[in-house]
C-alpha atoms as a PDB file:
ATOM      1  CA  MET A   1      36.431 182.503 -97.263  1.00  0.00           C
ATOM      2  CA  LYS A   2      39.737 184.344 -97.091  1.00  0.00           C
ATOM      3  CA  SER A   3      40.929 182.901 -93.876  1.00  0.00           C
ATOM      4  CA  VAL A   4      40.881 179.404 -95.336  1.00  0.00           C
ATOM      5  CA  VAL A   5      43.426 179.806 -97.701  1.00  0.00           C
ATOM      6  CA  TYR A   6      45.620 177.601 -95.944  1.00  0.00           C
ATOM      7  CA  LEU A   7      43.560 174.485 -96.296  1.00  0.00           C
ATOM      8  CA  LEU A   8      44.068 173.867 -99.940  1.00  0.00           C
ATOM      9  CA  PRO A   9      48.026 173.392 -99.793  1.00  0.00           C
ATOM     10  CA  ALA A  10      47.804 171.910 -96.363  1.00  0.00           C
ATOM     11  CA  LEU A  11      45.819 169.085 -97.809  1.00  0.00           C
ATOM     12  CA  VAL A  12      47.943 168.773-101.051  1.00  0.00           C
ATOM     13  CA  ALA A  13      50.579 168.324 -99.090  1.00  0.00           C
ATOM     14  CA  SER A  14      49.140 165.619 -97.148  1.00  0.00           C
ATOM     15  CA  LEU A  15      48.053 163.928-100.570  1.00  0.00           C
ATOM     16  CA  ALA A  16      51.536 164.135-102.046  1.00  0.00           C
ATOM     17  CA  PHE A  17      52.815 162.729 -98.554  1.00  0.00           C
ATOM     18  CA  TYR A  18      50.533 160.376 -98.701  1.00  0.00           C
ATOM     19  CA  LEU A  19      51.268 159.312-102.309  1.00  0.00           C
ATOM     20  CA  ALA A  20      55.176 158.803-101.443  1.00  0.00           C
ATOM     21  CA  CYS A  21      54.281 156.307 -99.095  1.00  0.00           C
ATOM     22  CA  ALA A  22      54.820 152.833-100.145  1.00  0.00           C
ATOM     23  CA  HIS A  23      51.364 151.357 -98.719  1.00  0.00           C
ATOM     24  CA  GLN A  24      49.156 153.364-100.589  1.00  0.00           C
ATOM     25  CA  ARG A  25      46.907 152.221-103.861  1.00  0.00           C
ATOM     26  CA  PHE A  26      45.660 155.515-105.316  1.00  0.00           C
ATOM     27  CA  ALA A  27      48.155 155.414-107.530  1.00  0.00           C
ATOM     28  CA  PRO A  28      50.924 152.676-107.600  1.00  0.00           C
ATOM     29  CA  GLY A  29      52.839 154.221-110.120  1.00  0.00           C
ATOM     30  CA  LEU A  30      54.242 156.924-108.339  1.00  0.00           C
ATOM     31  CA  SER A  31      56.420 155.214-106.236  1.00  0.00           C
ATOM     32  CA  ALA A  32      59.442 155.887-108.198  1.00  0.00           C
ATOM     33  CA  ARG A  33      58.820 159.377-107.782  1.00  0.00           C
ATOM     34  CA  LYS A  34      59.265 159.420-103.835  1.00  0.00           C
ATOM     35  CA  ARG A  35      61.536 162.352-103.759  1.00  0.00           C
ATOM     36  CA  SER A  36      59.646 164.646-105.761  1.00  0.00           C
ATOM     37  CA  LEU A  37      56.725 164.217-104.045  1.00  0.00           C
ATOM     38  CA  ARG A  38      58.140 164.584-100.566  1.00  0.00           C
ATOM     39  CA  ALA A  39      59.780 167.881-101.549  1.00  0.00           C
ATOM     40  CA  ILE A  40      56.254 169.044-102.900  1.00  0.00           C
ATOM     41  CA  ALA A  41      54.796 167.875 -99.885  1.00  0.00           C
ATOM     42  CA  TRP A  42      57.328 169.853 -97.829  1.00  0.00           C
ATOM     43  CA  LEU A  43      57.248 173.300 -99.633  1.00  0.00           C
ATOM     44  CA  CYS A  44      53.204 173.089 -99.585  1.00  0.00           C
ATOM     45  CA  THR A  45      53.660 172.273 -95.795  1.00  0.00           C
ATOM     46  CA  PHE A  46      55.529 175.783 -95.682  1.00  0.00           C
ATOM     47  CA  LEU A  47      53.268 177.480 -97.952  1.00  0.00           C
ATOM     48  CA  ALA A  48      50.503 176.275 -96.039  1.00  0.00           C
ATOM     49  CA  ILE A  49      51.751 177.527 -92.237  1.00  0.00           C
ATOM     50  CA  LEU A  50      52.733 180.874 -93.959  1.00  0.00           C
ATOM     51  CA  LEU A  51      48.910 181.745 -95.534  1.00  0.00           C
ATOM     52  CA  ALA A  52      47.664 180.452 -91.945  1.00  0.00           C
ATOM     53  CA  TYR A  53      50.296 182.778 -90.208  1.00  0.00           C
ATOM     54  CA  ALA A  54      49.419 186.099 -92.633  1.00  0.00           C
ATOM     55  CA  GLN A  55      45.762 185.253 -91.678  1.00  0.00           C
ATOM     56  CA  LEU A  56      45.530 183.955 -87.744  1.00  0.00           C
ATOM     57  CA  GLY A  57      48.867 184.730 -86.287  1.00  0.00           C
ATOM     58  CA  VAL A  58      51.968 183.322 -85.348  1.00  0.00           C
ATOM     59  CA  TRP A  59      50.757 180.555 -83.359  1.00  0.00           C
ATOM     60  CA  ALA A  60      47.180 179.904 -84.296  1.00  0.00           C
ATOM     61  CA  GLY A  61      48.541 180.044 -87.901  1.00  0.00           C
ATOM     62  CA  VAL A  62      50.780 177.250 -87.017  1.00  0.00           C
ATOM     63  CA  PHE A  63      48.334 175.018 -85.053  1.00  0.00           C
ATOM     64  CA  ALA A  64      45.457 175.918 -87.830  1.00  0.00           C
ATOM     65  CA  ALA A  65      47.726 174.573 -90.525  1.00  0.00           C
ATOM     66  CA  LEU A  66      49.586 171.563 -89.237  1.00  0.00           C
ATOM     67  CA  THR A  67      45.917 170.529 -88.098  1.00  0.00           C
ATOM     68  CA  ALA A  68      44.378 170.647 -91.637  1.00  0.00           C
ATOM     69  CA  LEU A  69      47.474 168.566 -92.565  1.00  0.00           C
ATOM     70  CA  MET A  70      46.846 165.832 -90.001  1.00  0.00           C
ATOM     71  CA  MET A  71      43.306 165.639 -90.771  1.00  0.00           C
ATOM     72  CA  GLY A  72      44.260 165.069 -94.238  1.00  0.00           C
ATOM     73  CA  LEU A  73      47.115 162.469 -93.159  1.00  0.00           C
ATOM     74  CA  VAL A  74      44.356 160.796 -91.212  1.00  0.00           C
ATOM     75  CA  ALA A  75      41.528 160.658 -93.688  1.00  0.00           C
ATOM     76  CA  LEU A  76      43.622 159.636 -96.608  1.00  0.00           C
ATOM     77  CA  PRO A  77      44.125 155.718 -95.511  1.00  0.00           C
ATOM     78  CA  TYR A  78      40.675 155.489 -94.391  1.00  0.00           C
ATOM     79  CA  LEU A  79      39.638 156.940 -97.934  1.00  0.00           C
ATOM     80  CA  ASP A  80      42.254 154.714 -99.863  1.00  0.00           C
ATOM     81  CA  ALA A  81      40.597 151.815 -98.148  1.00  0.00           C
ATOM     82  CA  TRP A  82      37.223 152.708 -98.398  1.00  0.00           C
ATOM     83  CA  TRP A  83      37.414 153.320-101.880  1.00  0.00           C
ATOM     84  CA  HIS A  84      39.302 149.806-103.067  1.00  0.00           C
ATOM     85  CA  ALA A  85      36.602 147.904-100.881  1.00  0.00           C
ATOM     86  CA  ARG A  86      34.004 149.734-103.131  1.00  0.00           C
ATOM     87  CA  GLN A  87      35.606 148.542-106.313  1.00  0.00           C
ATOM     88  CA  GLU A  88      36.460 144.908-105.048  1.00  0.00           C
ATOM     89  CA  LYS A  89      33.900 142.111-106.325  1.00  0.00           C
ATOM     90  CA  ARG A  90      32.693 140.577-103.432  1.00  0.00           C
ATOM     91  CA  HIS A  91      31.279 136.831-103.270  1.00  0.00           C
ATOM     92  CA  VAL A  92      29.380 135.422-100.122  1.00  0.00           C
ATOM     93  CA  GLY A  93      28.992 131.748 -99.895  1.00  0.00           C
END
């Protein structure tokens, strides 16, 4: 359990990067705070890399942290689309 401590800041970083994106629909009101969201995302990315480095070693830690970050960056647009598709009222006919 201790070796996956880097996952939380990596996923928080991917969420912050996604919320700073212009095309996200989770929280459209956060578009005014893009700069602070990106700063938080970069800090969490570096924290995830440092934590993974401490647990796994240099290259394994860097690649594990960046893989967790990329997993979040790939999954969040699909989660956003799925969530909004569930909320829509569909009328067939």
